Amino acid sequence: MTGTRHRVRVNTPQRICALLIATMIISGTTTSALTAQRENRPVVVASKPFGESYLLAEMFSQVLESRGFSVDRKPGLGATEIAFGALRTNAIDAYPEYTGTGLIAILHDTLPDSVTADPRAVFAHVARRFVDLYHVRWLPPLGFQNTYAIAVTRSTASRYHLRTLSDLAREGSHLTAGFTADFIGRNDGLVGLARVYGLKPRAVRPLAPAVKYQALASGAVDVIDGYSTDGLLARYDLVTLIDDKHFFPPYEAAALISNRLDTEAPGAVAALTLLSGRLDEKTMRQLNRRVEVDGEDVKKVASDELAALGLTGVTRAKGSIQDAPSGQQSGFLRYLWDRRATIAELTMRHLELVAVALFAAVIIAVPLGLGLERTRRIAEPTIGGLGVLQTIPSIALLAFMIPFLGVGVAPALVALWLYALYPIARGTYTGVRDADPDAVAAAEALGTTPTQRLLWVRLPLAAPVIMAGIRTAAVITVGAATLAAFIGAGGLGEPIVAGLALADTRMILSGALPAAVLALAVDGVLAIVERLVAPAHRRKRFRRSQTEGPDPAITPAV
């Protein structure tokens, strides 16, 4: 019996419909997954290292959190160039900026006086150019301007008859200026004042934002750059000089957001826009005074103002750092105790940065040093090249990496790794090269190969010198890691940077003291490792010296 094979036929239109339906389901599922992934991705909010920027960034963060968005804070990024570079590469999503800074320091544009006199015209120009050139967006201004305020003490103003910036230029050769590093190099800073007013101070000293007010009050400098909404201007009763040639453009504060945030999180953009037009100069001076003069916590001040504006409720978790008394309202030990959880968290982040960078340096630098011992002709030039890295300022190296690695942990780890290479490679090469020649000769007489002599004789004898290099690198890395806060990598540098910006000594010490203790602890642990890896005869000598005292045979005669 012959079987009959039946073929089921499916019409082509039915196939097409089935494929379309399947494609729509898969696309919808994928789109939903991607959308959910975007919505779950935290919004990265950054600030520059001065009080008002910290405060505005915290207000941005709390508004977003009150609308259900998770926020990753990156406070105190080193300068305008660092913050804006991070925004352009989508390493951060938002930070507070000023239209005058955008116009002069970033765009390097010059507008007619008739345009710069109109803040709305300047904002429109800056907003349009930023979209065209950088694909980043300015949200509508927050409602206040914070222009530069060149300030002197009343005694200096009276002595030199200073009322305007033209008066300052006339007497500049008698005065020492203390300006922030950002102001010194900017076209809307000292460079522009020299061009427009002919200002040439007797000397210019770069100062941190908070230190400059203390320096002026103590007489260390005669003139400083401030901001019109600074709370410290009133505290020190300073005289701000009139910009009689209208050099400074409008400095309207606004949220500057990344292309990623603009395209992927319209809800977050809408939340940030709620702050537009809600803050005036009088309010900002009061808020800045609470932070800079009264020493109140930035998060509490931001929370209070947002609640007053009706944008959030007071929902801060009890027991958090925000609820702790300010550093200027409590004793130092109480200050540290109230912030113990935050300090512990920052210490662990700091230790992670150090451990990863140091481990990476060891696995590269030790083999490199061993290899250079076999090719001594190129050893010193190679190690010298690593030594050159030590001469590059840490903050400059960190800033250089932002266009390639963004901000955060990655560029910090690379920079710390580079700094740790030299002492480890130098110690390894020197220790292996100078290992006891008699022991090496004896091993050679026994017929060992060069590799065997390296692994069995040179390397064990060199272990203490190698460990000395590793210990040196570890201590250097602990110290250098504090600068990682300038690029948002966290760690114990965060309270140091914030404390410098807010003139809060206790906040600075809450980062500096744990960092010092951590350096001692890391060095102590590595000292134990050094004893463990030392050759047996050296370990015995060390134990004997601990129990019996120095060997009389090597004790010098008195």
Protein backbone atom coordinates (compact mmCIF):
# COMPACT_ATOMS: atom_id res chain seq x y z
CA MET A 1 0.00 0.00 0.00
CA THR A 2 1.41 3.26 -1.06
CA GLY A 3 1.18 6.05 1.58
CA THR A 4 -0.05 9.43 0.63
CA ARG A 5 1.94 12.48 1.88
CA HIS A 6 -0.25 15.46 2.67
CA ARG A 7 1.34 18.95 2.48
CA VAL A 8 -0.19 21.75 4.47
CA ARG A 9 -0.09 24.98 2.53
CA VAL A 10 0.03 28.38 4.15
CA ASN A 11 -0.94 31.35 2.09
CA THR A 12 1.73 34.01 1.65
CA PRO A 13 -0.47 36.83 3.04
CA GLN A 14 -1.03 34.78 6.19
CA ARG A 15 2.72 34.25 6.56
CA ILE A 16 3.35 37.97 6.17
CA CYS A 17 0.70 38.83 8.75
CA ALA A 18 2.13 36.32 11.20
CA LEU A 19 5.63 37.71 10.73
CA LEU A 20 4.40 41.27 11.18
CA ILE A 21 2.56 40.38 14.38
CA ALA A 22 5.60 38.54 15.75
CA THR A 23 7.86 41.47 14.81
CA MET A 24 5.52 43.94 16.53
CA ILE A 25 5.44 41.82 19.68
CA ILE A 26 9.23 41.45 19.77
CA SER A 27 9.75 45.15 18.98
CA GLY A 28 7.27 46.17 21.63
CA THR A 29 8.91 43.93 24.19
CA THR A 30 12.37 45.20 23.29
CA THR A 31 11.24 48.82 23.32
CA SER A 32 9.59 48.33 26.69
CA ALA A 33 12.74 46.74 28.04
CA LEU A 34 14.92 49.54 26.72
CA THR A 35 12.53 52.16 28.04
CA ALA A 36 12.50 50.52 31.44
CA GLN A 37 16.28 50.34 31.38
CA ARG A 38 16.50 54.06 30.55
CA GLU A 39 14.00 54.95 33.26
CA ASN A 40 15.87 52.87 35.84
CA ARG A 41 19.20 54.43 34.94
CA PRO A 42 20.05 57.06 37.55
CA VAL A 43 20.22 60.71 36.56
CA VAL A 44 23.78 61.91 37.20
CA VAL A 45 23.69 65.39 38.75
CA ALA A 46 26.99 67.24 39.23
CA SER A 47 28.20 70.53 40.62
CA LYS A 48 31.27 72.70 40.49
CA PRO A 49 33.31 73.22 43.68
CA PHE A 50 31.66 76.27 45.27
CA GLY A 51 28.79 76.67 47.69
CA GLU A 52 26.00 77.86 45.39
CA SER A 53 26.74 75.15 42.84
CA TYR A 54 26.54 72.49 45.57
CA LEU A 55 23.23 73.95 46.72
CA LEU A 56 21.62 74.14 43.28
CA ALA A 57 22.79 70.65 42.34
CA GLU A 58 21.27 69.32 45.55
CA MET A 59 17.99 71.05 44.73
CA PHE A 60 18.05 69.46 41.28
CA SER A 61 18.66 66.06 42.87
CA GLN A 62 15.88 66.34 45.43
CA VAL A 63 13.33 67.52 42.85
CA LEU A 64 14.17 64.52 40.69
CA GLU A 65 14.00 62.10 43.61
CA SER A 66 10.63 63.50 44.67
CA ARG A 67 9.35 62.59 41.19
CA GLY A 68 10.58 59.00 41.42
CA PHE A 69 13.93 59.31 39.61
CA SER A 70 17.04 57.79 41.15
CA VAL A 71 19.95 60.21 41.29
CA ASP A 72 23.69 59.69 41.30
CA ARG A 73 25.37 62.78 42.78
CA LYS A 74 28.78 63.91 41.53
CA PRO A 75 29.54 67.00 43.63
CA GLY A 76 32.53 69.28 43.31
CA LEU A 77 33.80 68.58 39.78
CA GLY A 78 37.05 70.49 39.45
CA ALA A 79 36.24 73.37 37.09
CA THR A 80 34.03 74.54 34.25
CA GLU A 81 36.08 72.62 31.70
CA ILE A 82 35.76 69.38 33.65
CA ALA A 83 32.03 69.72 34.31
CA PHE A 84 31.14 70.73 30.78
CA GLY A 85 33.45 68.10 29.26
CA ALA A 86 31.67 65.46 31.31
CA LEU A 87 28.28 66.76 30.17
CA ARG A 88 29.24 66.71 26.49
CA THR A 89 30.28 63.06 26.73
CA ASN A 90 27.10 62.11 28.67
CA ALA A 91 29.20 61.16 31.68
CA ILE A 92 26.90 63.43 33.69
CA ASP A 93 23.35 64.52 32.90
CA ALA A 94 22.90 67.91 34.53
CA TYR A 95 24.70 70.60 36.47
CA PRO A 96 24.00 74.27 37.29
CA GLU A 97 25.69 76.74 34.95
CA TYR A 98 25.55 80.45 34.18
CA THR A 99 24.85 82.08 30.82
CA GLY A 100 27.83 84.44 31.06
CA THR A 101 30.13 81.48 31.67
CA GLY A 102 28.64 79.71 28.68
CA LEU A 103 29.03 82.78 26.49
CA ILE A 104 32.62 83.71 27.35
CA ALA A 105 34.36 80.72 28.91
CA ILE A 106 32.87 77.97 26.74
CA LEU A 107 31.71 79.55 23.47
CA HIS A 108 34.33 82.33 23.51
CA ASP A 109 31.78 84.55 21.80
CA THR A 110 31.71 88.33 21.78
CA LEU A 111 28.36 90.08 21.42
CA PRO A 112 27.53 93.75 20.86
CA ASP A 113 26.90 95.78 24.00
CA SER A 114 23.27 96.18 23.00
CA VAL A 115 22.87 92.38 23.12
CA THR A 116 24.87 91.71 26.30
CA ALA A 117 22.75 94.32 28.10
CA ASP A 118 19.70 92.09 27.61
CA PRO A 119 19.81 88.86 29.66
CA ARG A 120 17.07 87.28 27.53
CA ALA A 121 19.02 87.93 24.33
CA VAL A 122 22.16 86.42 25.85
CA PHE A 123 20.25 83.35 27.01
CA ALA A 124 18.69 82.88 23.57
CA HIS A 125 22.10 83.16 21.88
CA VAL A 126 23.81 80.77 24.30
CA ALA A 127 20.97 78.23 24.21
CA ARG A 128 20.92 78.16 20.40
CA ARG A 129 24.70 77.90 20.03
CA PHE A 130 25.01 75.10 22.60
CA VAL A 131 22.45 73.01 20.77
CA ASP A 132 24.15 73.61 17.41
CA LEU A 133 27.71 73.00 18.58
CA TYR A 134 27.49 70.59 21.49
CA HIS A 135 23.97 69.08 21.35
CA VAL A 136 23.32 70.00 24.97
CA ARG A 137 20.39 72.05 26.22
CA TRP A 138 19.87 74.96 28.58
CA LEU A 139 16.65 74.79 30.56
CA PRO A 140 14.85 78.10 31.26
CA PRO A 141 16.73 80.25 33.83
CA LEU A 142 16.12 79.70 37.53
CA GLY A 143 15.21 83.36 38.04
CA PHE A 144 18.36 85.04 39.36
CA GLN A 145 21.74 86.29 38.19
CA ASN A 146 25.02 85.63 39.95
CA THR A 147 27.58 87.85 38.29
CA TYR A 148 31.20 88.28 39.31
CA ALA A 149 31.76 90.72 42.16
CA ILE A 150 35.29 92.10 42.51
CA ALA A 151 35.58 92.85 46.21
CA VAL A 152 37.90 94.69 48.60
CA THR A 153 37.75 95.51 52.30
CA ARG A 154 36.32 98.86 53.35
CA SER A 155 39.71 100.00 54.61
CA THR A 156 41.32 99.23 51.21
CA ALA A 157 38.49 100.99 49.36
CA SER A 158 38.91 104.06 51.57
CA ARG A 159 42.71 104.11 51.39
CA TYR A 160 42.92 103.89 47.59
CA HIS A 161 39.59 105.61 46.80
CA LEU A 162 38.19 102.55 45.07
CA ARG A 163 34.62 102.62 43.80
CA THR A 164 34.79 101.17 40.28
CA LEU A 165 36.89 98.67 38.37
CA SER A 166 38.55 101.59 36.59
CA ASP A 167 39.70 102.82 39.99
CA LEU A 168 41.07 99.35 40.70
CA ALA A 169 42.99 99.33 37.41
CA ARG A 170 44.49 102.72 38.32
CA GLU A 171 45.78 101.42 41.67
CA GLY A 172 46.40 97.83 40.60
CA SER A 173 50.19 98.08 40.76
CA HIS A 174 49.94 98.59 44.54
CA LEU A 175 47.58 95.69 45.21
CA THR A 176 47.88 91.91 45.49
CA ALA A 177 45.00 89.96 43.97
CA GLY A 178 43.73 86.62 45.23
CA PHE A 179 41.66 85.03 42.47
CA THR A 180 40.31 81.53 41.93
CA ALA A 181 42.20 79.48 39.37
CA ASP A 182 39.10 79.40 37.17
CA PHE A 183 38.87 83.21 37.17
CA ILE A 184 42.56 83.74 36.40
CA GLY A 185 42.49 81.87 33.10
CA ARG A 186 39.06 82.84 31.78
CA ASN A 187 38.23 85.42 29.15
CA ASP A 188 35.46 86.73 31.39
CA GLY A 189 37.94 86.82 34.27
CA LEU A 190 41.37 88.33 34.75
CA VAL A 191 42.28 87.95 31.07
CA GLY A 192 39.31 90.08 30.02
CA LEU A 193 39.77 92.61 32.83
CA ALA A 194 43.37 93.14 31.72
CA ARG A 195 42.20 93.70 28.15
CA VAL A 196 39.25 96.00 28.87
CA TYR A 197 40.39 97.84 31.98
CA GLY A 198 44.16 97.39 31.77
CA LEU A 199 44.13 95.73 35.20
CA LYS A 200 47.61 94.55 36.22
CA PRO A 201 47.86 93.72 39.93
CA ARG A 202 51.23 93.75 41.67
CA ALA A 203 50.86 89.99 42.18
CA VAL A 204 48.19 87.38 41.57
CA ARG A 205 47.78 84.46 43.94
CA PRO A 206 45.53 81.53 42.98
CA LEU A 207 43.21 80.73 45.89
CA ALA A 208 40.47 78.19 46.62
CA PRO A 209 36.93 79.65 46.57
CA ALA A 210 36.45 79.54 50.35
CA VAL A 211 40.00 80.49 51.32
CA LYS A 212 39.96 83.75 49.36
CA TYR A 213 37.59 85.48 51.81
CA GLN A 214 39.76 84.56 54.77
CA ALA A 215 42.85 85.67 52.87
CA LEU A 216 41.25 89.06 52.16
CA ALA A 217 40.13 89.53 55.76
CA SER A 218 43.59 88.67 57.09
CA GLY A 219 45.34 91.07 54.71
CA ALA A 220 47.18 88.36 52.78
CA VAL A 221 45.61 89.76 49.58
CA ASP A 222 43.94 93.08 48.76
CA VAL A 223 41.28 92.14 46.19
CA ILE A 224 39.36 88.96 45.37
CA ASP A 225 36.80 87.69 42.89
CA GLY A 226 33.43 86.79 44.40
CA TYR A 227 29.86 86.29 43.27
CA SER A 228 27.03 88.72 43.73
CA THR A 229 24.93 86.18 45.67
CA ASP A 230 27.74 85.05 48.00
CA GLY A 231 26.74 84.97 51.64
CA LEU A 232 30.33 85.72 52.65
CA LEU A 233 30.25 89.23 51.13
CA ALA A 234 27.94 90.41 53.90
CA ARG A 235 29.72 88.40 56.58
CA TYR A 236 33.01 90.19 55.94
CA ASP A 237 31.36 93.55 55.13
CA LEU A 238 33.17 93.86 51.80
CA VAL A 239 32.88 96.54 49.13
CA THR A 240 32.05 95.31 45.63
CA LEU A 241 33.44 97.49 42.84
CA ILE A 242 31.18 98.78 40.08
CA ASP A 243 31.72 97.37 36.58
CA ASP A 244 31.65 100.85 35.00
CA LYS A 245 32.52 99.61 31.51
CA HIS A 246 29.89 96.84 31.63
CA PHE A 247 32.47 94.15 31.00
CA PHE A 248 30.71 91.26 32.69
CA PRO A 249 27.82 89.75 30.72
CA PRO A 250 24.59 88.55 32.39
CA TYR A 251 25.10 85.43 34.50
CA GLU A 252 21.66 83.88 34.69
CA ALA A 253 21.70 80.54 36.51
CA ALA A 254 20.08 77.59 34.76
CA ALA A 255 20.23 73.82 34.54
CA LEU A 256 22.44 72.59 31.71
CA ILE A 257 21.45 69.08 30.60
CA SER A 258 23.04 66.41 28.43
CA ASN A 259 21.76 65.14 25.12
CA ARG A 260 21.13 61.73 26.71
CA LEU A 261 18.86 63.17 29.38
CA ASP A 262 17.05 65.36 26.87
CA THR A 263 16.27 62.49 24.51
CA GLU A 264 15.83 59.56 26.90
CA ALA A 265 14.26 61.04 30.03
CA PRO A 266 11.72 63.76 29.19
CA GLY A 267 10.13 63.25 32.60
CA ALA A 268 13.37 64.17 34.33
CA VAL A 269 13.69 67.26 32.14
CA ALA A 270 10.15 68.28 33.03
CA ALA A 271 10.94 67.83 36.74
CA LEU A 272 14.03 70.05 36.52
CA THR A 273 12.05 72.70 34.63
CA LEU A 274 9.80 73.09 37.69
CA LEU A 275 12.60 75.16 39.28
CA SER A 276 12.75 77.64 36.40
CA GLY A 277 11.85 81.16 37.46
CA ARG A 278 11.34 80.16 41.10
CA LEU A 279 14.48 81.64 42.70
CA ASP A 280 15.45 85.32 42.98
CA GLU A 281 18.72 86.96 44.06
CA LYS A 282 17.48 87.82 47.55
CA THR A 283 16.48 84.20 48.15
CA MET A 284 19.80 82.87 46.90
CA ARG A 285 21.78 85.26 49.10
CA GLN A 286 19.82 84.01 52.10
CA LEU A 287 20.31 80.36 51.14
CA ASN A 288 24.02 80.85 50.47
CA ARG A 289 24.41 82.59 53.81
CA ARG A 290 22.84 79.63 55.60
CA VAL A 291 25.35 77.31 53.93
CA GLU A 292 28.50 79.46 53.83
CA VAL A 293 28.14 81.55 56.99
CA ASP A 294 25.83 79.66 59.35
CA GLY A 295 27.29 76.27 58.44
CA GLU A 296 23.97 74.53 57.81
CA ASP A 297 23.96 71.30 55.85
CA VAL A 298 23.49 71.76 52.10
CA LYS A 299 20.87 69.01 51.90
CA LYS A 300 18.80 70.51 54.68
CA VAL A 301 18.90 74.01 53.17
CA ALA A 302 17.89 72.63 49.76
CA SER A 303 15.10 70.54 51.29
CA ASP A 304 13.72 73.50 53.24
CA GLU A 305 13.61 75.76 50.19
CA LEU A 306 12.00 73.15 47.94
CA ALA A 307 9.35 72.52 50.58
CA ALA A 308 8.74 76.28 50.84
CA LEU A 309 8.29 76.41 47.06
CA GLY A 310 5.83 73.53 47.23
CA LEU A 311 7.98 71.33 45.00
CA THR A 312 8.74 68.60 47.55
CA GLY A 313 7.74 67.42 50.97
CA VAL A 314 10.24 66.96 53.77
CA THR A 315 10.99 63.26 53.39
CA ARG A 316 14.60 62.99 54.49
CA ALA A 317 15.46 59.79 56.25
CA LYS A 318 16.16 60.20 59.94
CA GLY A 319 19.63 59.33 61.06
CA SER A 320 21.12 60.32 57.72
CA ILE A 321 23.88 62.85 57.37
CA GLN A 322 21.33 65.53 56.60
CA ASP A 323 19.87 65.29 60.09
CA ALA A 324 23.19 65.68 61.81
CA PRO A 325 23.98 69.05 63.31
CA SER A 326 26.18 71.23 61.20
CA GLY A 327 29.91 71.24 61.76
CA GLN A 328 29.81 74.73 63.18
CA GLN A 329 27.02 73.90 65.64
CA SER A 330 28.52 70.83 67.32
CA GLY A 331 31.83 69.59 68.68
CA PHE A 332 34.23 67.92 66.30
CA LEU A 333 33.95 64.46 67.85
CA ARG A 334 30.15 64.72 67.79
CA TYR A 335 30.41 65.87 64.18
CA LEU A 336 32.42 62.77 63.26
CA TRP A 337 30.10 60.48 65.23
CA ASP A 338 26.97 61.85 63.56
CA ARG A 339 28.57 61.23 60.16
CA ARG A 340 30.11 57.87 60.98
CA ALA A 341 28.02 55.94 58.44
CA THR A 342 28.87 58.34 55.63
CA ILE A 343 32.55 58.43 56.59
CA ALA A 344 32.66 54.63 56.69
CA GLU A 345 31.04 54.44 53.24
CA LEU A 346 33.48 56.99 51.80
CA THR A 347 36.41 55.15 53.41
CA MET A 348 35.36 51.88 51.79
CA ARG A 349 35.04 53.58 48.39
CA HIS A 350 38.47 55.14 48.92
CA LEU A 351 39.95 51.77 49.86
CA GLU A 352 38.42 50.16 46.78
CA LEU A 353 40.01 52.77 44.52
CA VAL A 354 43.39 52.29 46.17
CA ALA A 355 43.24 48.48 46.18
CA VAL A 356 42.24 48.12 42.53
CA ALA A 357 44.77 50.68 41.29
CA LEU A 358 47.59 49.25 43.42
CA PHE A 359 46.85 45.64 42.40
CA ALA A 360 46.84 46.64 38.72
CA ALA A 361 50.14 48.48 39.19
CA VAL A 362 51.76 45.49 40.91
CA ILE A 363 50.82 42.99 38.20
CA ILE A 364 52.28 45.31 35.57
CA ALA A 365 55.24 46.99 37.30
CA VAL A 366 56.78 43.92 38.97
CA PRO A 367 57.05 41.88 35.72
CA LEU A 368 58.25 45.03 34.00
CA GLY A 369 61.03 45.49 36.55
CA LEU A 370 62.03 41.84 36.24
CA GLY A 371 62.14 42.11 32.47
CA LEU A 372 64.21 45.28 32.57
CA GLU A 373 66.86 43.50 34.67
CA ARG A 374 67.41 41.22 31.68
CA THR A 375 67.64 44.17 29.25
CA ARG A 376 69.53 46.76 31.27
CA ARG A 377 70.29 49.03 28.33
CA ILE A 378 66.69 50.22 28.15
CA ALA A 379 65.99 49.96 31.88
CA GLU A 380 66.80 53.48 32.99
CA PRO A 381 65.07 55.24 30.04
CA THR A 382 61.95 53.13 30.61
CA ILE A 383 61.81 53.76 34.35
CA GLY A 384 62.65 57.41 33.75
CA GLY A 385 59.65 57.63 31.45
CA LEU A 386 57.43 56.31 34.24
CA GLY A 387 59.00 58.87 36.53
CA VAL A 388 57.88 61.66 34.22
CA LEU A 389 54.28 60.72 35.02
CA GLN A 390 54.95 61.70 38.63
CA THR A 391 55.57 65.29 37.51
CA ILE A 392 52.11 65.69 35.94
CA PRO A 393 49.70 67.36 38.39
CA SER A 394 47.03 64.88 39.45
CA ILE A 395 44.08 67.12 38.63
CA ALA A 396 45.52 67.81 35.15
CA LEU A 397 45.88 64.10 34.44
CA LEU A 398 42.35 63.44 35.66
CA ALA A 399 40.93 66.24 33.51
CA PHE A 400 42.83 64.96 30.47
CA MET A 401 41.11 61.57 30.74
CA ILE A 402 37.55 62.85 30.92
CA PRO A 403 37.01 63.07 27.12
CA PHE A 404 38.06 59.42 26.83
CA LEU A 405 36.74 57.82 30.02
CA GLY A 406 34.15 60.30 31.28
CA VAL A 407 33.92 61.09 34.98
CA GLY A 408 33.75 58.74 37.91
CA VAL A 409 35.71 55.66 38.86
CA ALA A 410 37.31 54.70 35.50
CA PRO A 411 39.52 57.79 34.94
CA ALA A 412 40.41 57.85 38.64
CA LEU A 413 41.60 54.24 38.54
CA VAL A 414 43.70 54.83 35.43
CA ALA A 415 45.34 57.92 36.93
CA LEU A 416 46.08 56.21 40.25
CA TRP A 417 47.45 53.19 38.40
CA LEU A 418 49.81 55.38 36.39
CA TYR A 419 51.08 57.14 39.51
CA ALA A 420 51.75 53.81 41.28
CA LEU A 421 53.85 52.29 38.48
CA TYR A 422 57.10 54.19 39.03
CA PRO A 423 57.96 53.32 42.66
CA ILE A 424 57.07 49.65 42.14
CA ALA A 425 59.00 49.28 38.88
CA ARG A 426 61.99 51.16 40.33
CA GLY A 427 62.01 49.04 43.48
CA THR A 428 61.71 45.78 41.54
CA TYR A 429 64.48 46.60 39.08
CA THR A 430 66.87 47.92 41.72
CA GLY A 431 66.23 45.04 44.11
CA VAL A 432 66.78 42.34 41.51
CA ARG A 433 69.78 44.08 39.95
CA ASP A 434 71.55 44.59 43.28
CA ALA A 435 70.74 41.20 44.82
CA ASP A 436 73.64 39.67 46.84
CA PRO A 437 76.27 38.96 44.16
CA ASP A 438 77.89 36.15 46.24
CA ALA A 439 74.58 34.29 46.46
CA VAL A 440 73.96 34.77 42.75
CA ALA A 441 77.50 33.55 41.93
CA ALA A 442 77.03 30.49 44.13
CA ALA A 443 73.79 29.64 42.37
CA GLU A 444 75.50 30.06 39.00
CA ALA A 445 78.31 27.72 40.11
CA LEU A 446 75.68 25.09 40.87
CA GLY A 447 74.67 25.13 37.21
CA THR A 448 71.36 27.00 37.50
CA THR A 449 69.89 28.75 34.49
CA PRO A 450 69.40 32.56 34.45
CA THR A 451 65.66 32.05 34.92
CA GLN A 452 66.23 29.75 37.89
CA ARG A 453 68.65 32.23 39.47
CA LEU A 454 66.06 34.99 38.98
CA LEU A 455 63.21 33.04 40.56
CA TRP A 456 65.17 31.17 43.28
CA VAL A 457 67.81 33.70 44.28
CA ARG A 458 67.42 37.25 42.96
CA LEU A 459 63.67 37.61 43.46
CA PRO A 460 63.59 36.33 47.08
CA LEU A 461 66.57 38.51 47.98
CA ALA A 462 64.93 41.50 46.30
CA ALA A 463 61.56 40.99 48.02
CA PRO A 464 62.14 43.58 50.78
CA VAL A 465 63.15 46.24 48.24
CA ILE A 466 60.17 45.39 46.01
CA MET A 467 57.83 45.62 48.99
CA ALA A 468 59.35 48.98 49.93
CA GLY A 469 58.37 50.24 46.47
CA ILE A 470 54.86 48.82 46.83
CA ARG A 471 54.45 50.43 50.26
CA THR A 472 55.58 53.77 48.87
CA ALA A 473 53.15 53.46 45.97
CA ALA A 474 50.33 52.54 48.36
CA VAL A 475 50.79 55.63 50.53
CA ILE A 476 51.04 57.86 47.45
CA THR A 477 47.89 56.29 46.03
CA VAL A 478 45.91 56.85 49.24
CA GLY A 479 46.83 60.52 49.13
CA ALA A 480 46.27 60.98 45.40
CA ALA A 481 42.89 59.25 45.58
CA THR A 482 41.49 62.22 47.51
CA LEU A 483 41.71 64.22 44.26
CA ALA A 484 39.42 61.69 42.58
CA ALA A 485 36.51 63.62 44.12
CA PHE A 486 37.15 66.40 41.58
CA ILE A 487 35.95 64.05 38.83
CA GLY A 488 33.12 62.44 40.76
CA ALA A 489 34.83 59.20 41.79
CA GLY A 490 33.89 59.59 45.44
CA GLY A 491 36.05 58.57 48.36
CA LEU A 492 37.39 60.62 51.23
CA GLY A 493 38.15 63.52 48.90
CA GLU A 494 34.45 64.41 48.81
CA PRO A 495 34.27 66.04 52.26
CA ILE A 496 37.65 67.66 51.67
CA VAL A 497 36.52 69.30 48.42
CA ALA A 498 33.14 70.27 49.86
CA GLY A 499 34.75 71.63 53.02
CA LEU A 500 37.12 73.79 51.01
CA ALA A 501 34.21 75.16 49.01
CA LEU A 502 32.11 75.86 52.11
CA ALA A 503 34.93 77.04 54.41
CA ASP A 504 34.07 74.21 56.82
CA THR A 505 37.22 73.04 58.62
CA ARG A 506 35.46 70.16 60.33
CA MET A 507 34.19 68.84 57.02
CA ILE A 508 37.72 68.99 55.60
CA LEU A 509 39.12 67.10 58.59
CA SER A 510 36.35 64.50 58.35
CA GLY A 511 37.96 63.45 55.07
CA ALA A 512 41.61 64.24 55.77
CA LEU A 513 41.94 62.42 59.08
CA PRO A 514 40.42 59.12 57.88
CA ALA A 515 42.63 59.35 54.78
CA ALA A 516 45.72 59.71 56.99
CA VAL A 517 44.62 56.79 59.17
CA LEU A 518 43.93 54.72 56.06
CA ALA A 519 47.42 55.44 54.71
CA LEU A 520 48.98 54.30 57.99
CA ALA A 521 46.78 51.18 58.07
CA VAL A 522 47.60 50.21 54.49
CA ASP A 523 51.31 50.72 55.11
CA GLY A 524 51.07 48.63 58.30
CA VAL A 525 49.38 45.74 56.51
CA LEU A 526 51.97 45.83 53.74
CA ALA A 527 54.75 45.87 56.38
CA ILE A 528 53.42 42.54 57.64
CA VAL A 529 53.37 41.21 54.08
CA GLU A 530 56.95 42.43 53.65
CA ARG A 531 58.08 40.35 56.63
CA LEU A 532 56.25 37.29 55.32
CA VAL A 533 57.89 37.43 51.89
CA ALA A 534 61.36 38.24 53.18
CA PRO A 535 64.00 35.45 52.93
CA ALA A 536 64.08 33.05 55.88
CA HIS A 537 67.41 34.29 57.24
CA ARG A 538 66.09 37.86 57.32
CA ARG A 539 62.88 36.83 59.08
CA LYS A 540 64.94 35.03 61.75
CA ARG A 541 67.17 38.07 62.17
CA PHE A 542 64.12 40.29 62.58
CA ARG A 543 62.53 37.99 65.20
CA ARG A 544 65.83 37.76 67.10
CA SER A 545 66.22 41.54 67.12
CA GLN A 546 62.66 41.86 68.48
CA THR A 547 63.30 39.45 71.38
CA GLU A 548 67.04 39.83 72.12
CA GLY A 549 67.84 43.31 70.90
CA PRO A 550 70.49 44.21 68.34
CA ASP A 551 73.27 41.77 67.49
CA PRO A 552 76.37 42.72 69.57
CA ALA A 553 78.55 41.89 66.61
CA ILE A 554 77.06 44.75 64.62
CA THR A 555 76.50 47.15 67.51
CA PRO A 556 78.83 50.12 67.11
CA ALA A 557 81.32 50.78 69.91
CA VAL A 558 80.68 53.79 72.10
